[in-house]
Amino acid sequence: MKLVGDPDGIQELKKMQSERKDYLKYIITEAKTNTDLSTTFSSSDGETKYKLVYDRMAQELRVEKM
């Protein structure tokens, strides 16, 4: 699956992969199964919020800064 969008948000997800893998799996599943195909998460410092959107047609996850 392709990951596109905000570079800072993508870095936060990569950091999450090494530090909080279970939570990363949870938010990906949440984005794929939520009625609007999206979920939100915060940066590790808690100051920046991001939206993770699943695009079924393109089979990709898009990260947007909120």
N, C-alpha and C. Protein backbone atom coordinates (compact mmCIF):
# COMPACT_ATOMS: atom_id res chain seq x y z
N MET A 1 0.84 -1.17 0.00
CA MET A 1 0.00 0.00 0.00
C MET A 1 0.89 1.24 0.00
N LYS A 2 0.52 2.21 -0.79
CA LYS A 2 1.31 3.43 -0.95
C LYS A 2 0.92 4.46 0.10
N LEU A 3 1.90 5.19 0.60
CA LEU A 3 1.69 6.24 1.58
C LEU A 3 2.10 7.56 0.94
N VAL A 4 1.16 8.51 0.84
CA VAL A 4 1.42 9.80 0.19
C VAL A 4 0.93 10.94 1.08
N GLY A 5 1.35 12.15 0.73
CA GLY A 5 0.84 13.32 1.44
C GLY A 5 1.91 14.11 2.15
N ASP A 6 1.54 14.69 3.28
CA ASP A 6 2.39 15.58 4.05
C ASP A 6 3.66 14.85 4.53
N PRO A 7 4.84 15.35 4.17
CA PRO A 7 6.09 14.68 4.55
C PRO A 7 6.30 14.58 6.07
N ASP A 8 5.89 15.60 6.82
CA ASP A 8 6.04 15.56 8.28
C ASP A 8 5.13 14.49 8.88
N GLY A 9 3.92 14.37 8.34
CA GLY A 9 2.99 13.35 8.82
C GLY A 9 3.49 11.95 8.51
N ILE A 10 4.08 11.78 7.35
CA ILE A 10 4.65 10.48 6.98
C ILE A 10 5.79 10.13 7.92
N GLN A 11 6.62 11.12 8.27
CA GLN A 11 7.71 10.88 9.22
C GLN A 11 7.15 10.46 10.58
N GLU A 12 6.06 11.09 11.01
CA GLU A 12 5.44 10.71 12.28
C GLU A 12 4.96 9.26 12.24
N LEU A 13 4.39 8.83 11.13
CA LEU A 13 3.95 7.45 11.00
C LEU A 13 5.13 6.49 11.03
N LYS A 14 6.23 6.87 10.40
CA LYS A 14 7.43 6.02 10.41
C LYS A 14 8.01 5.92 11.82
N LYS A 15 7.98 7.04 12.55
CA LYS A 15 8.44 7.02 13.94
C LYS A 15 7.53 6.12 14.78
N MET A 16 6.23 6.22 14.51
CA MET A 16 5.25 5.40 15.20
C MET A 16 5.48 3.92 14.94
N GLN A 17 5.93 3.59 13.73
CA GLN A 17 6.18 2.20 13.37
C GLN A 17 7.24 1.57 14.27
N SER A 18 8.24 2.34 14.65
CA SER A 18 9.29 1.80 15.50
C SER A 18 8.96 1.88 16.99
N GLU A 19 8.14 2.86 17.38
CA GLU A 19 7.87 3.07 18.80
C GLU A 19 6.53 2.52 19.27
N ARG A 20 5.50 2.59 18.42
CA ARG A 20 4.14 2.20 18.83
C ARG A 20 3.45 1.43 17.71
N LYS A 21 3.99 0.30 17.37
CA LYS A 21 3.52 -0.48 16.22
C LYS A 21 2.03 -0.88 16.34
N ASP A 22 1.60 -1.25 17.53
CA ASP A 22 0.20 -1.65 17.72
C ASP A 22 -0.75 -0.49 17.43
N TYR A 23 -0.38 0.71 17.87
CA TYR A 23 -1.22 1.89 17.61
C TYR A 23 -1.25 2.22 16.12
N LEU A 24 -0.13 2.06 15.45
CA LEU A 24 -0.09 2.30 14.00
C LEU A 24 -1.03 1.34 13.28
N LYS A 25 -1.01 0.08 13.64
CA LYS A 25 -1.94 -0.90 13.05
C LYS A 25 -3.38 -0.49 13.31
N TYR A 26 -3.65 0.00 14.51
CA TYR A 26 -5.00 0.42 14.87
C TYR A 26 -5.48 1.58 14.00
N ILE A 27 -4.66 2.62 13.82
CA ILE A 27 -5.14 3.77 13.05
C ILE A 27 -5.27 3.44 11.56
N ILE A 28 -4.44 2.55 11.05
CA ILE A 28 -4.60 2.13 9.65
C ILE A 28 -5.90 1.37 9.48
N THR A 29 -6.20 0.46 10.40
CA THR A 29 -7.46 -0.28 10.35
C THR A 29 -8.64 0.66 10.51
N GLU A 30 -8.52 1.63 11.39
CA GLU A 30 -9.58 2.62 11.60
C GLU A 30 -9.85 3.41 10.31
N ALA A 31 -8.80 3.82 9.63
CA ALA A 31 -8.98 4.57 8.38
C ALA A 31 -9.64 3.71 7.31
N LYS A 32 -9.31 2.44 7.27
CA LYS A 32 -9.87 1.55 6.25
C LYS A 32 -11.33 1.17 6.52
N THR A 33 -11.74 1.18 7.77
CA THR A 33 -13.08 0.68 8.11
C THR A 33 -14.06 1.76 8.55
N ASN A 34 -13.58 2.95 8.83
CA ASN A 34 -14.45 4.04 9.26
C ASN A 34 -15.39 4.43 8.11
N THR A 35 -16.56 4.93 8.41
CA THR A 35 -17.54 5.26 7.37
C THR A 35 -17.05 6.32 6.39
N ASP A 36 -16.22 7.26 6.87
CA ASP A 36 -15.68 8.28 5.95
C ASP A 36 -14.25 7.94 5.49
N LEU A 37 -13.80 6.73 5.79
CA LEU A 37 -12.49 6.21 5.38
C LEU A 37 -11.33 7.11 5.83
N SER A 38 -11.43 7.63 7.04
CA SER A 38 -10.35 8.46 7.57
C SER A 38 -10.32 8.37 9.09
N THR A 39 -9.19 8.80 9.65
CA THR A 39 -9.03 8.91 11.09
C THR A 39 -7.99 9.99 11.36
N THR A 40 -7.88 10.41 12.59
CA THR A 40 -6.90 11.44 12.94
C THR A 40 -5.89 10.89 13.93
N PHE A 41 -4.70 11.50 13.92
CA PHE A 41 -3.68 11.16 14.89
C PHE A 41 -2.83 12.41 15.14
N SER A 42 -2.12 12.40 16.26
CA SER A 42 -1.29 13.55 16.64
C SER A 42 0.18 13.20 16.50
N SER A 43 1.00 14.24 16.37
CA SER A 43 2.44 14.05 16.33
C SER A 43 2.91 13.58 17.71
N SER A 44 4.14 13.11 17.77
CA SER A 44 4.66 12.59 19.04
C SER A 44 4.74 13.66 20.13
N ASP A 45 4.89 14.93 19.74
CA ASP A 45 4.90 15.99 20.74
C ASP A 45 3.50 16.49 21.08
N GLY A 46 2.49 16.02 20.35
CA GLY A 46 1.10 16.37 20.62
C GLY A 46 0.65 17.71 20.08
N GLU A 47 1.53 18.43 19.39
CA GLU A 47 1.20 19.77 18.92
C GLU A 47 0.53 19.79 17.56
N THR A 48 0.84 18.84 16.70
CA THR A 48 0.32 18.85 15.33
C THR A 48 -0.63 17.67 15.14
N LYS A 49 -1.77 17.93 14.50
CA LYS A 49 -2.72 16.87 14.20
C LYS A 49 -2.71 16.58 12.71
N TYR A 50 -2.90 15.31 12.40
CA TYR A 50 -2.93 14.86 11.01
C TYR A 50 -4.18 14.03 10.78
N LYS A 51 -4.59 13.98 9.54
CA LYS A 51 -5.71 13.15 9.13
C LYS A 51 -5.16 12.08 8.18
N LEU A 52 -5.50 10.83 8.44
CA LEU A 52 -5.09 9.72 7.59
C LEU A 52 -6.32 9.27 6.80
N VAL A 53 -6.24 9.36 5.48
CA VAL A 53 -7.38 9.07 4.60
C VAL A 53 -7.03 7.88 3.73
N TYR A 54 -7.94 6.91 3.67
CA TYR A 54 -7.75 5.73 2.83
C TYR A 54 -8.49 5.93 1.52
N ASP A 55 -7.78 5.79 0.41
CA ASP A 55 -8.35 5.90 -0.93
C ASP A 55 -8.45 4.49 -1.51
N ARG A 56 -9.66 3.96 -1.54
CA ARG A 56 -9.86 2.59 -2.01
C ARG A 56 -9.49 2.40 -3.47
N MET A 57 -9.83 3.37 -4.30
CA MET A 57 -9.56 3.24 -5.74
C MET A 57 -8.06 3.20 -6.03
N ALA A 58 -7.30 4.06 -5.39
CA ALA A 58 -5.86 4.12 -5.63
C ALA A 58 -5.08 3.16 -4.72
N GLN A 59 -5.77 2.55 -3.75
CA GLN A 59 -5.13 1.67 -2.76
C GLN A 59 -3.95 2.38 -2.08
N GLU A 60 -4.23 3.60 -1.56
CA GLU A 60 -3.18 4.34 -0.88
C GLU A 60 -3.73 5.03 0.36
N LEU A 61 -2.83 5.33 1.27
CA LEU A 61 -3.13 6.11 2.46
C LEU A 61 -2.55 7.50 2.27
N ARG A 62 -3.37 8.53 2.47
CA ARG A 62 -2.94 9.91 2.30
C ARG A 62 -2.92 10.60 3.66
N VAL A 63 -1.82 11.29 3.95
CA VAL A 63 -1.67 12.01 5.21
C VAL A 63 -1.87 13.49 4.93
N GLU A 64 -2.77 14.12 5.69
CA GLU A 64 -3.06 15.54 5.54
C GLU A 64 -2.86 16.23 6.88
N LYS A 65 -2.21 17.39 6.86
CA LYS A 65 -2.05 18.19 8.08
C LYS A 65 -3.35 18.92 8.35
N MET A 66 -3.78 18.92 9.59
CA MET A 66 -5.04 19.59 9.95
C MET A 66 -4.78 20.97 10.51
